[in-house]
C-alpha atoms as a PDB file:
ATOM      1  CA  MET A   1     -23.546 -18.315  11.263  1.00  0.00           C
ATOM      2  CA  THR A   2     -21.561 -21.553  11.603  1.00  0.00           C
ATOM      3  CA  GLU A   3     -18.179 -19.788  11.886  1.00  0.00           C
ATOM      4  CA  SER A   4     -17.534 -19.419  15.616  1.00  0.00           C
ATOM      5  CA  LYS A   5     -15.214 -16.427  15.515  1.00  0.00           C
ATOM      6  CA  TRP A   6     -15.063 -13.477  13.147  1.00  0.00           C
ATOM      7  CA  ILE A   7     -12.786 -10.477  12.722  1.00  0.00           C
ATOM      8  CA  VAL A   8     -13.688  -6.976  11.589  1.00  0.00           C
ATOM      9  CA  GLY A   9     -11.154  -5.482   9.177  1.00  0.00           C
ATOM     10  CA  VAL A  10     -11.162  -1.742   8.482  1.00  0.00           C
ATOM     11  CA  ASP A  11      -9.146   0.222   5.903  1.00  0.00           C
ATOM     12  CA  VAL A  12      -9.434   3.996   6.314  1.00  0.00           C
ATOM     13  CA  GLY A  13      -8.824   6.082   3.193  1.00  0.00           C
ATOM     14  CA  GLY A  14      -9.141   9.743   2.363  1.00  0.00           C
ATOM     15  CA  THR A  15     -12.501   9.396   0.613  1.00  0.00           C
ATOM     16  CA  SER A  16     -13.910   6.066   1.814  1.00  0.00           C
ATOM     17  CA  VAL A  17     -13.567   3.541   4.627  1.00  0.00           C
ATOM     18  CA  LYS A  18     -13.546  -0.093   3.523  1.00  0.00           C
ATOM     19  CA  ILE A  19     -14.913  -2.549   6.095  1.00  0.00           C
ATOM     20  CA  GLY A  20     -15.143  -6.333   6.083  1.00  0.00           C
ATOM     21  CA  ILE A  21     -16.365  -9.190   8.248  1.00  0.00           C
ATOM     22  CA  ILE A  22     -13.692 -11.834   7.800  1.00  0.00           C
ATOM     23  CA  SER A  23     -13.320 -15.392   9.044  1.00  0.00           C
ATOM     24  CA  ALA A  24     -10.331 -16.483  11.092  1.00  0.00           C
ATOM     25  CA  LYS A  25      -9.208 -18.366   7.955  1.00  0.00           C
ATOM     26  CA  GLY A  26      -9.105 -15.139   5.957  1.00  0.00           C
ATOM     27  CA  ASP A  27     -12.287 -15.521   3.919  1.00  0.00           C
ATOM     28  CA  ILE A  28     -14.365 -12.380   3.378  1.00  0.00           C
ATOM     29  CA  TYR A  29     -17.964 -13.011   4.459  1.00  0.00           C
ATOM     30  CA  LYS A  30     -19.185  -9.475   3.823  1.00  0.00           C
ATOM     31  CA  LYS A  31     -17.527  -6.239   2.720  1.00  0.00           C
ATOM     32  CA  TRP A  32     -18.764  -2.703   2.185  1.00  0.00           C
ATOM     33  CA  GLU A  33     -17.709   0.942   2.193  1.00  0.00           C
ATOM     34  CA  ILE A  34     -18.792   4.113   3.942  1.00  0.00           C
ATOM     35  CA  LYS A  35     -17.844   7.712   3.249  1.00  0.00           C
ATOM     36  CA  THR A  36     -14.891   9.165   5.183  1.00  0.00           C
ATOM     37  CA  ASP A  37     -16.300  12.109   7.150  1.00  0.00           C
ATOM     38  CA  LYS A  38     -13.302  14.414   7.512  1.00  0.00           C
ATOM     39  CA  SER A  39     -15.290  17.238   9.122  1.00  0.00           C
ATOM     40  CA  ASN A  40     -14.396  18.240  12.665  1.00  0.00           C
ATOM     41  CA  GLY A  41     -10.896  16.819  12.301  1.00  0.00           C
ATOM     42  CA  GLY A  42     -12.226  13.352  11.440  1.00  0.00           C
ATOM     43  CA  GLN A  43     -13.559  12.855  14.965  1.00  0.00           C
ATOM     44  CA  ARG A  44     -16.796  11.211  13.800  1.00  0.00           C
ATOM     45  CA  ILE A  45     -15.189   8.546  11.624  1.00  0.00           C
ATOM     46  CA  MET A  46     -14.939   5.892  14.329  1.00  0.00           C
ATOM     47  CA  GLU A  47     -18.569   6.434  15.365  1.00  0.00           C
ATOM     48  CA  ASP A  48     -19.576   5.975  11.725  1.00  0.00           C
ATOM     49  CA  VAL A  49     -17.463   2.824  11.467  1.00  0.00           C
ATOM     50  CA  TRP A  50     -18.858   1.215  14.598  1.00  0.00           C
ATOM     51  CA  ASN A  51     -22.479   2.134  13.775  1.00  0.00           C
ATOM     52  CA  SER A  52     -22.026   0.578  10.343  1.00  0.00           C
ATOM     53  CA  VAL A  53     -20.390  -2.557  11.762  1.00  0.00           C
ATOM     54  CA  GLN A  54     -23.188  -2.993  14.307  1.00  0.00           C
ATOM     55  CA  GLN A  55     -25.780  -2.806  11.541  1.00  0.00           C
ATOM     56  CA  LYS A  56     -24.016  -5.433   9.399  1.00  0.00           C
ATOM     57  CA  LEU A  57     -23.450  -7.754  12.367  1.00  0.00           C
ATOM     58  CA  SER A  58     -27.152  -7.529  13.208  1.00  0.00           C
ATOM     59  CA  GLU A  59     -28.145  -8.252   9.600  1.00  0.00           C
ATOM     60  CA  SER A  60     -25.828 -11.272   9.626  1.00  0.00           C
ATOM     61  CA  ASN A  61     -27.004 -12.569  13.023  1.00  0.00           C
ATOM     62  CA  ILE A  62     -23.461 -12.333  14.369  1.00  0.00           C
ATOM     63  CA  SER A  63     -23.081 -11.377  18.023  1.00  0.00           C
ATOM     64  CA  SER A  64     -20.253  -9.032  18.990  1.00  0.00           C
ATOM     65  CA  ASP A  65     -19.329 -11.792  21.475  1.00  0.00           C
ATOM     66  CA  ASN A  66     -18.171 -13.780  18.431  1.00  0.00           C
ATOM     67  CA  ILE A  67     -15.829 -11.030  17.214  1.00  0.00           C
ATOM     68  CA  LEU A  68     -12.145 -11.629  18.020  1.00  0.00           C
ATOM     69  CA  GLY A  69     -11.378  -7.954  17.555  1.00  0.00           C
ATOM     70  CA  ILE A  70     -11.177  -5.050  15.149  1.00  0.00           C
ATOM     71  CA  GLY A  71      -8.094  -4.479  13.019  1.00  0.00           C
ATOM     72  CA  LEU A  72      -7.640  -1.142  11.310  1.00  0.00           C
ATOM     73  CA  GLY A  73      -5.228   0.273   8.747  1.00  0.00           C
ATOM     74  CA  ALA A  74      -4.882   4.049   8.513  1.00  0.00           C
ATOM     75  CA  PRO A  75      -2.652   6.484   6.653  1.00  0.00           C
ATOM     76  CA  GLY A  76      -0.138   8.617   8.480  1.00  0.00           C
ATOM     77  CA  PHE A  77       2.416   8.320  11.243  1.00  0.00           C
ATOM     78  CA  ILE A  78       1.350   5.593  13.654  1.00  0.00           C
ATOM     79  CA  ASP A  79       2.990   3.947  16.659  1.00  0.00           C
ATOM     80  CA  GLY A  80       3.058   0.284  15.616  1.00  0.00           C
ATOM     81  CA  ASP A  81       3.024  -0.943  19.211  1.00  0.00           C
ATOM     82  CA  THR A  82       0.097   1.089  20.539  1.00  0.00           C
ATOM     83  CA  GLY A  83      -1.763   2.185  17.393  1.00  0.00           C
ATOM     84  CA  TYR A  84      -1.577   5.797  18.545  1.00  0.00           C
ATOM     85  CA  ILE A  85      -1.812   8.176  15.594  1.00  0.00           C
ATOM     86  CA  TYR A  86       0.658  11.032  15.690  1.00  0.00           C
ATOM     87  CA  GLU A  87      -0.650  12.565  12.492  1.00  0.00           C
ATOM     88  CA  ALA A  88      -2.751  11.584   9.469  1.00  0.00           C
ATOM     89  CA  VAL A  89      -2.837  14.741   7.365  1.00  0.00           C
ATOM     90  CA  ASN A  90      -5.253  13.446   4.714  1.00  0.00           C
ATOM     91  CA  ILE A  91      -7.821  12.537   7.376  1.00  0.00           C
ATOM     92  CA  GLY A  92      -7.333  15.381   9.854  1.00  0.00           C
ATOM     93  CA  TRP A  93      -6.221  13.275  12.813  1.00  0.00           C
ATOM     94  CA  LYS A  94      -3.455  14.515  15.084  1.00  0.00           C
ATOM     95  CA  GLU A  95      -2.323  13.139  18.460  1.00  0.00           C
ATOM     96  CA  TYR A  96      -5.263  10.732  18.378  1.00  0.00           C
ATOM     97  CA  ASP A  97      -5.767   7.589  20.460  1.00  0.00           C
ATOM     98  CA  LEU A  98      -7.784   5.818  17.780  1.00  0.00           C
ATOM     99  CA  PRO A  99      -7.662   2.331  19.326  1.00  0.00           C
ATOM    100  CA  GLY A 100      -8.755   3.720  22.682  1.00  0.00           C
ATOM    101  CA  HIS A 101     -11.667   5.577  21.085  1.00  0.00           C
ATOM    102  CA  LEU A 102     -12.902   2.614  19.037  1.00  0.00           C
ATOM    103  CA  LYS A 103     -12.463   0.213  21.948  1.00  0.00           C
ATOM    104  CA  GLN A 104     -14.585   2.512  24.105  1.00  0.00           C
ATOM    105  CA  LEU A 105     -17.319   2.487  21.455  1.00  0.00           C
ATOM    106  CA  SER A 106     -17.236  -1.239  20.692  1.00  0.00           C
ATOM    107  CA  GLY A 107     -16.006  -2.950  23.840  1.00  0.00           C
ATOM    108  CA  LEU A 108     -13.762  -5.047  21.585  1.00  0.00           C
ATOM    109  CA  PRO A 109      -9.966  -5.354  21.277  1.00  0.00           C
ATOM    110  CA  VAL A 110      -8.735  -2.856  18.658  1.00  0.00           C
ATOM    111  CA  PHE A 111      -5.394  -2.916  16.844  1.00  0.00           C
ATOM    112  CA  VAL A 112      -4.148  -0.232  14.454  1.00  0.00           C
ATOM    113  CA  GLU A 113      -1.278  -0.164  11.950  1.00  0.00           C
ATOM    114  CA  ASN A 114      -0.143   1.988   9.059  1.00  0.00           C
ATOM    115  CA  ASP A 115      -2.223   1.201   5.968  1.00  0.00           C
ATOM    116  CA  ALA A 116       0.785   0.152   3.881  1.00  0.00           C
ATOM    117  CA  ASN A 117       1.862  -2.314   6.575  1.00  0.00           C
ATOM    118  CA  VAL A 118      -1.650  -3.704   6.840  1.00  0.00           C
ATOM    119  CA  ALA A 119      -1.782  -4.167   3.057  1.00  0.00           C
ATOM    120  CA  VAL A 120       1.425  -6.224   3.026  1.00  0.00           C
ATOM    121  CA  LEU A 121       0.037  -8.388   5.850  1.00  0.00           C
ATOM    122  CA  GLY A 122      -3.057  -9.043   3.713  1.00  0.00           C
ATOM    123  CA  GLU A 123      -1.079  -9.853   0.584  1.00  0.00           C
ATOM    124  CA  ASN A 124       1.201 -12.178   2.481  1.00  0.00           C
ATOM    125  CA  TRP A 125      -1.658 -13.974   4.230  1.00  0.00           C
ATOM    126  CA  GLN A 126      -4.126 -14.459   1.395  1.00  0.00           C
ATOM    127  CA  GLY A 127      -2.477 -13.007  -1.713  1.00  0.00           C
ATOM    128  CA  ALA A 128       0.732 -13.117  -3.714  1.00  0.00           C
ATOM    129  CA  GLY A 129       3.040 -13.389  -0.690  1.00  0.00           C
ATOM    130  CA  ARG A 130       2.075 -17.005   0.053  1.00  0.00           C
ATOM    131  CA  GLN A 131       2.891 -16.543   3.757  1.00  0.00           C
ATOM    132  CA  GLU A 132       6.607 -16.033   3.316  1.00  0.00           C
ATOM    133  CA  LYS A 133       8.653 -14.850   6.309  1.00  0.00           C
ATOM    134  CA  ASN A 134      10.679 -12.163   4.491  1.00  0.00           C
ATOM    135  CA  VAL A 135       8.744  -9.893   2.128  1.00  0.00           C
ATOM    136  CA  ILE A 136       9.079  -6.411   0.638  1.00  0.00           C
ATOM    137  CA  ALA A 137       5.917  -4.800  -0.759  1.00  0.00           C
ATOM    138  CA  ILE A 138       5.920  -1.661  -2.881  1.00  0.00           C
ATOM    139  CA  THR A 139       2.722   0.166  -3.802  1.00  0.00           C
ATOM    140  CA  LEU A 140       2.898   2.379  -6.892  1.00  0.00           C
ATOM    141  CA  GLY A 141      -0.091   4.719  -6.924  1.00  0.00           C
ATOM    142  CA  THR A 142      -0.395   8.504  -6.778  1.00  0.00           C
ATOM    143  CA  GLY A 143       2.450   8.125  -4.307  1.00  0.00           C
ATOM    144  CA  VAL A 144       4.829   5.267  -3.501  1.00  0.00           C
ATOM    145  CA  GLY A 145       4.254   3.273  -0.326  1.00  0.00           C
ATOM    146  CA  GLY A 146       5.814   0.188   1.120  1.00  0.00           C
ATOM    147  CA  GLY A 147       5.838  -2.394   3.834  1.00  0.00           C
ATOM    148  CA  ILE A 148       8.407  -4.880   5.105  1.00  0.00           C
ATOM    149  CA  ILE A 149       7.971  -8.261   6.768  1.00  0.00           C
ATOM    150  CA  ALA A 150      11.159  -9.656   8.311  1.00  0.00           C
ATOM    151  CA  ASN A 151      11.268 -12.992  10.108  1.00  0.00           C
ATOM    152  CA  GLY A 152       7.474 -13.129   9.971  1.00  0.00           C
ATOM    153  CA  GLU A 153       6.835  -9.732  11.568  1.00  0.00           C
ATOM    154  CA  ILE A 154       6.061  -6.253  10.255  1.00  0.00           C
ATOM    155  CA  VAL A 155       9.049  -3.937  10.606  1.00  0.00           C
ATOM    156  CA  ASN A 156       8.022  -0.629  12.199  1.00  0.00           C
ATOM    157  CA  GLY A 157      11.358   0.803  13.298  1.00  0.00           C
ATOM    158  CA  ALA A 158      11.986   3.145  16.228  1.00  0.00           C
ATOM    159  CA  ASN A 159       8.970   5.390  15.635  1.00  0.00           C
ATOM    160  CA  GLY A 160       6.928   3.781  12.880  1.00  0.00           C
ATOM    161  CA  MET A 161       8.840   5.105   9.865  1.00  0.00           C
ATOM    162  CA  ALA A 162      10.286   1.830   8.577  1.00  0.00           C
ATOM    163  CA  GLY A 163       9.115   0.937   5.091  1.00  0.00           C
ATOM    164  CA  GLU A 164       8.759   4.504   3.782  1.00  0.00           C
ATOM    165  CA  ILE A 165      10.221   3.297   0.510  1.00  0.00           C
ATOM    166  CA  GLY A 166       8.784   6.190  -1.478  1.00  0.00           C
ATOM    167  CA  HIS A 167      10.996   8.627   0.373  1.00  0.00           C
ATOM    168  CA  MET A 168      14.325   6.984  -0.346  1.00  0.00           C
ATOM    169  CA  THR A 169      16.473   9.619  -2.090  1.00  0.00           C
ATOM    170  CA  ILE A 170      17.216   8.692  -5.705  1.00  0.00           C
ATOM    171  CA  GLU A 171      18.240  11.974  -7.340  1.00  0.00           C
ATOM    172  CA  THR A 172      20.063  14.299  -4.947  1.00  0.00           C
ATOM    173  CA  ALA A 173      19.207  17.280  -7.154  1.00  0.00           C
ATOM    174  CA  GLY A 174      15.820  15.902  -8.156  1.00  0.00           C
ATOM    175  CA  ARG A 175      12.290  17.264  -8.248  1.00  0.00           C
ATOM    176  CA  PRO A 176      10.528  18.501  -5.073  1.00  0.00           C
ATOM    177  CA  CYS A 177       8.560  15.872  -3.170  1.00  0.00           C
ATOM    178  CA  ASN A 178       5.422  16.356  -1.069  1.00  0.00           C
ATOM    179  CA  CYS A 179       7.449  15.375   1.985  1.00  0.00           C
ATOM    180  CA  GLY A 180       9.409  18.637   1.706  1.00  0.00           C
ATOM    181  CA  ARG A 181      12.579  17.061   0.378  1.00  0.00           C
ATOM    182  CA  ALA A 182      13.690  16.462  -3.205  1.00  0.00           C
ATOM    183  CA  GLY A 183      14.506  13.533  -5.465  1.00  0.00           C
ATOM    184  CA  CYS A 184      12.496  10.882  -3.607  1.00  0.00           C
ATOM    185  CA  LEU A 185      11.534   7.638  -5.348  1.00  0.00           C
ATOM    186  CA  GLU A 186       7.955   8.903  -5.278  1.00  0.00           C
ATOM    187  CA  THR A 187       8.863  11.772  -7.639  1.00  0.00           C
ATOM    188  CA  ILE A 188       9.911   9.200 -10.271  1.00  0.00           C
ATOM    189  CA  ALA A 189       8.015   5.924  -9.873  1.00  0.00           C
ATOM    190  CA  SER A 190       4.542   7.009  -8.734  1.00  0.00           C
ATOM    191  CA  ALA A 191       1.831   7.551 -11.354  1.00  0.00           C
ATOM    192  CA  THR A 192       2.347  11.260 -10.735  1.00  0.00           C
ATOM    193  CA  GLY A 193       6.110  10.922 -11.175  1.00  0.00           C
ATOM    194  CA  ILE A 194       5.781   8.975 -14.409  1.00  0.00           C
ATOM    195  CA  VAL A 195       3.451  11.616 -15.856  1.00  0.00           C
ATOM    196  CA  ARG A 196       5.824  14.345 -14.628  1.00  0.00           C
ATOM    197  CA  GLN A 197       8.652  12.771 -16.620  1.00  0.00           C
ATOM    198  CA  ALA A 198       6.494  12.835 -19.757  1.00  0.00           C
ATOM    199  CA  MET A 199       5.310  16.410 -19.212  1.00  0.00           C
ATOM    200  CA  GLU A 200       8.892  17.630 -18.874  1.00  0.00           C
ATOM    201  CA  LEU A 201       9.642  15.957 -22.199  1.00  0.00           C
ATOM    202  CA  ILE A 202       6.593  17.610 -23.819  1.00  0.00           C
ATOM    203  CA  GLU A 203       7.345  21.040 -22.350  1.00  0.00           C
ATOM    204  CA  ALA A 204      10.904  20.878 -23.700  1.00  0.00           C
ATOM    205  CA  GLY A 205       9.270  21.279 -27.113  1.00  0.00           C
ATOM    206  CA  ASN A 206      11.615  19.204 -29.270  1.00  0.00           C
ATOM    207  CA  SER A 207      10.027  15.767 -29.021  1.00  0.00           C
ATOM    208  CA  GLU A 208       8.497  13.703 -31.821  1.00  0.00           C
ATOM    209  CA  SER A 209       6.885  11.302 -29.363  1.00  0.00           C
ATOM    210  CA  LYS A 210       3.232  10.310 -29.769  1.00  0.00           C
ATOM    211  CA  LEU A 211       2.876  11.539 -26.183  1.00  0.00           C
ATOM    212  CA  VAL A 212       3.005  15.118 -27.499  1.00  0.00           C
ATOM    213  CA  GLU A 213       0.202  14.487 -29.980  1.00  0.00           C
ATOM    214  CA  HIS A 214      -1.869  12.718 -27.327  1.00  0.00           C
ATOM    215  CA  PHE A 215      -1.518  15.603 -24.890  1.00  0.00           C
ATOM    216  CA  GLU A 216      -2.356  18.193 -27.560  1.00  0.00           C
ATOM    217  CA  ASN A 217      -5.485  16.247 -28.542  1.00  0.00           C
ATOM    218  CA  HIS A 218      -6.746  15.331 -25.078  1.00  0.00           C
ATOM    219  CA  GLY A 219      -5.235  17.937 -22.757  1.00  0.00           C
ATOM    220  CA  VAL A 220      -4.300  15.264 -20.245  1.00  0.00           C
ATOM    221  CA  LEU A 221      -1.816  12.408 -19.942  1.00  0.00           C
ATOM    222  CA  THR A 222      -1.899   9.410 -17.598  1.00  0.00           C
ATOM    223  CA  ALA A 223       0.646   6.794 -16.588  1.00  0.00           C
ATOM    224  CA  LYS A 224      -1.524   4.242 -18.431  1.00  0.00           C
ATOM    225  CA  ASP A 225      -1.156   6.279 -21.647  1.00  0.00           C
ATOM    226  CA  ILE A 226       2.623   6.254 -21.276  1.00  0.00           C
ATOM    227  CA  PHE A 227       2.732   2.468 -20.848  1.00  0.00           C
ATOM    228  CA  ASN A 228       0.395   2.045 -23.821  1.00  0.00           C
ATOM    229  CA  TYR A 229       2.603   4.135 -26.123  1.00  0.00           C
ATOM    230  CA  ALA A 230       5.702   2.335 -24.858  1.00  0.00           C
ATOM    231  CA  SER A 231       4.109  -1.012 -25.773  1.00  0.00           C
ATOM    232  CA  LEU A 232       3.482   0.388 -29.276  1.00  0.00           C
ATOM    233  CA  GLY A 233       7.170   1.184 -29.661  1.00  0.00           C
ATOM    234  CA  ASP A 234       7.213   4.914 -28.918  1.00  0.00           C
ATOM    235  CA  GLN A 235      10.879   5.541 -28.144  1.00  0.00           C
ATOM    236  CA  GLU A 236      10.481   8.281 -25.559  1.00  0.00           C
ATOM    237  CA  ALA A 237       7.591   6.578 -23.758  1.00  0.00           C
ATOM    238  CA  SER A 238       9.756   3.442 -23.669  1.00  0.00           C
ATOM    239  CA  SER A 239      12.608   5.486 -22.245  1.00  0.00           C
ATOM    240  CA  ILE A 240      10.383   6.712 -19.382  1.00  0.00           C
ATOM    241  CA  VAL A 241       9.243   3.170 -18.592  1.00  0.00           C
ATOM    242  CA  HIS A 242      12.820   1.876 -18.756  1.00  0.00           C
ATOM    243  CA  TYR A 243      14.152   4.571 -16.422  1.00  0.00           C
ATOM    244  CA  THR A 244      11.312   4.084 -13.940  1.00  0.00           C
ATOM    245  CA  ALA A 245      11.844   0.308 -13.909  1.00  0.00           C
ATOM    246  CA  ASP A 246      15.617   0.718 -13.650  1.00  0.00           C
ATOM    247  CA  VAL A 247      15.263   2.943 -10.592  1.00  0.00           C
ATOM    248  CA  LEU A 248      12.818   0.524  -8.965  1.00  0.00           C
ATOM    249  CA  GLY A 249      15.119  -2.421  -9.652  1.00  0.00           C
ATOM    250  CA  LEU A 250      18.026  -0.544  -8.097  1.00  0.00           C
ATOM    251  CA  VAL A 251      15.992   0.315  -4.984  1.00  0.00           C
ATOM    252  CA  ILE A 252      14.849  -3.294  -4.575  1.00  0.00           C
ATOM    253  CA  ALA A 253      18.416  -4.556  -5.070  1.00  0.00           C
ATOM    254  CA  ASN A 254      19.678  -2.235  -2.336  1.00  0.00           C
ATOM    255  CA  MET A 255      16.857  -3.251  -0.014  1.00  0.00           C
ATOM    256  CA  GLY A 256      17.607  -6.860  -0.889  1.00  0.00           C
ATOM    257  CA  ALA A 257      21.178  -6.472   0.332  1.00  0.00           C
ATOM    258  CA  LEU A 258      19.772  -5.384   3.710  1.00  0.00           C
ATOM    259  CA  LEU A 259      16.740  -7.647   4.055  1.00  0.00           C
ATOM    260  CA  ASN A 260      17.319 -10.685   1.771  1.00  0.00           C
ATOM    261  CA  PRO A 261      13.598 -11.190   0.957  1.00  0.00           C
ATOM    262  CA  SER A 262      12.197 -14.331  -0.633  1.00  0.00           C
ATOM    263  CA  LYS A 263       9.313 -12.348  -2.114  1.00  0.00           C
ATOM    264  CA  VAL A 264       8.881  -8.837  -3.554  1.00  0.00           C
ATOM    265  CA  LEU A 265       5.328  -7.695  -4.276  1.00  0.00           C
ATOM    266  CA  ILE A 266       4.483  -4.796  -6.610  1.00  0.00           C
ATOM    267  CA  GLY A 267       0.999  -3.317  -6.150  1.00  0.00           C
ATOM    268  CA  GLY A 268      -0.979  -0.153  -6.752  1.00  0.00           C
ATOM    269  CA  GLY A 269      -2.511   1.296  -9.901  1.00  0.00           C
ATOM    270  CA  VAL A 270       0.795   1.491 -11.801  1.00  0.00           C
ATOM    271  CA  SER A 271       1.289  -2.271 -11.341  1.00  0.00           C
ATOM    272  CA  LYS A 272      -1.657  -2.815 -13.725  1.00  0.00           C
ATOM    273  CA  ALA A 273       0.918  -2.345 -16.492  1.00  0.00           C
ATOM    274  CA  GLY A 274       1.622  -6.019 -15.726  1.00  0.00           C
ATOM    275  CA  ASP A 275       4.534  -7.888 -17.278  1.00  0.00           C
ATOM    276  CA  GLN A 276       5.581  -4.833 -19.287  1.00  0.00           C
ATOM    277  CA  LEU A 277       6.673  -3.184 -16.044  1.00  0.00           C
ATOM    278  CA  LEU A 278       7.392  -6.250 -13.944  1.00  0.00           C
ATOM    279  CA  ASP A 279       9.780  -7.838 -16.442  1.00  0.00           C
ATOM    280  CA  ALA A 280      11.751  -4.576 -16.721  1.00  0.00           C
ATOM    281  CA  ILE A 281      11.973  -4.235 -12.927  1.00  0.00           C
ATOM    282  CA  LYS A 282      13.134  -7.858 -12.638  1.00  0.00           C
ATOM    283  CA  ALA A 283      15.866  -7.299 -15.241  1.00  0.00           C
ATOM    284  CA  SER A 284      17.087  -4.220 -13.392  1.00  0.00           C
ATOM    285  CA  PHE A 285      16.947  -5.993 -10.032  1.00  0.00           C
ATOM    286  CA  GLU A 286      19.025  -8.872 -11.366  1.00  0.00           C
ATOM    287  CA  LYS A 287      21.513  -6.415 -12.873  1.00  0.00           C
ATOM    288  CA  TYR A 288      22.129  -4.590  -9.579  1.00  0.00           C
ATOM    289  CA  ALA A 289      21.549  -7.253  -6.905  1.00  0.00           C
ATOM    290  CA  LEU A 290      23.952  -9.760  -5.428  1.00  0.00           C
ATOM    291  CA  GLU A 291      23.343 -13.089  -7.161  1.00  0.00           C
ATOM    292  CA  ARG A 292      22.524 -14.863  -3.896  1.00  0.00           C
ATOM    293  CA  VAL A 293      19.942 -12.149  -3.199  1.00  0.00           C
ATOM    294  CA  SER A 294      18.253 -12.217  -6.626  1.00  0.00           C
ATOM    295  CA  SER A 295      18.331 -16.010  -7.044  1.00  0.00           C
ATOM    296  CA  ILE A 296      16.203 -16.652  -3.946  1.00  0.00           C
ATOM    297  CA  CYS A 297      13.755 -13.796  -4.578  1.00  0.00           C
ATOM    298  CA  ASP A 298      10.437 -14.178  -6.394  1.00  0.00           C
ATOM    299  CA  MET A 299       8.993 -10.904  -7.683  1.00  0.00           C
ATOM    300  CA  ARG A 300       5.335 -10.676  -8.630  1.00  0.00           C
ATOM    301  CA  VAL A 301       2.338  -8.353  -8.909  1.00  0.00           C
ATOM    302  CA  ALA A 302       0.072  -8.130  -5.833  1.00  0.00           C
ATOM    303  CA  GLU A 303      -3.240  -9.990  -6.178  1.00  0.00           C
ATOM    304  CA  LEU A 304      -5.768  -8.697  -3.664  1.00  0.00           C
ATOM    305  CA  GLY A 305      -6.315  -5.165  -4.947  1.00  0.00           C
ATOM    306  CA  ASN A 306      -8.620  -3.135  -2.684  1.00  0.00           C
ATOM    307  CA  ASP A 307      -9.226  -6.109  -0.373  1.00  0.00           C
ATOM    308  CA  ALA A 308      -5.620  -6.237   0.872  1.00  0.00           C
ATOM    309  CA  GLY A 309      -6.269  -3.655   3.588  1.00  0.00           C
ATOM    310  CA  ILE A 310      -9.261  -5.294   5.266  1.00  0.00           C
ATOM    311  CA  ILE A 311      -7.720  -8.770   5.019  1.00  0.00           C
ATOM    312  CA  GLY A 312      -4.438  -7.506   6.451  1.00  0.00           C
ATOM    313  CA  ALA A 313      -6.269  -5.717   9.250  1.00  0.00           C
ATOM    314  CA  ALA A 314      -7.933  -9.028  10.119  1.00  0.00           C
ATOM    315  CA  PHE A 315      -4.546 -10.769  10.203  1.00  0.00           C
ATOM    316  CA  LEU A 316      -3.294  -8.035  12.552  1.00  0.00           C
ATOM    317  CA  VAL A 317      -5.994  -9.125  15.015  1.00  0.00           C
ATOM    318  CA  LYS A 318      -4.941 -12.774  14.617  1.00  0.00           C
ATOM    319  CA  GLN A 319      -1.346 -11.794  15.342  1.00  0.00           C
ATOM    320  CA  LYS A 320      -2.243  -9.858  18.466  1.00  0.00           C
ATOM    321  CA  VAL A 321      -5.020 -12.042  19.906  1.00  0.00           C
ATOM    322  CA  LEU A 322      -4.030 -15.542  18.793  1.00  0.00           C
ATOM    323  CA  HIS A 323      -0.274 -14.873  18.673  1.00  0.00           C
ATOM    324  CA  VAL A 324       0.180 -16.274  15.169  1.00  0.00           C
ATOM    325  CA  SER A 325       2.803 -15.165  12.664  1.00  0.00           C
ATOM    326  CA  PHE A 326       3.998 -16.154   9.208  1.00  0.00           C
END
């Protein structure tokens, strides 16, 4: 290969591990996935990753001597300075020196960050962030995740908990959250939270919404269904979308008062609602935010999709090895 130095980016998920060989410029040369083996407390995952990487490097005639390092994003509570994993419940890891283990296997520098932080690095490097120095990213999926870049650097906080946007309290007497508390943003604005709002409306039994008919006919309701009916003018579906967007706009306005970002990125499956959701969030943000905060801030949908993690993991290596920043 003509490229002199490459980076391996790894994004560990609950069902699959995404891996990429990425140039120092951020171009993906090759990407693939392997199954996440959660047996035995996930202790074989790094062996699987390195065996797979070795095979692809060999196929591509790339020597490990030409690898700058391995960057890895993982779910759970992670020390941003050392990459040590305190706990990743969905994987089975606990008190795990992942970078030490993978470095021992590969002989390469290894750097590990929380997956949400790695995703915002990727989006800011090669996606919708456009390499801004102050960025907030919110991921709306089955849960709500987030990452913050301030003055060109990921914000980790005292013990890695900065950016847990999904667990900001919105409704003090709200619905139970998986974190053990109640009323978190995640209980409202995740795909699960949006469906929960609709199911409560259906179970109340006095709604004329098309959502009721849909659920009776299909036995299931998704966030996509709710956005579809809202776009068709269903009043109660529209009310759910409006409330969700209003809450998100309020959260972003409050974060804006603290962080003054020039870019806010909305990603995850729920963001596929596109302008229908984004325009409503923008309107809410502008309603609640200080004018000097909202006027400088560009809000847009994330662009990289499932590639954000491996690209961000590669940028993590660039940050650590080449000492670059946004």
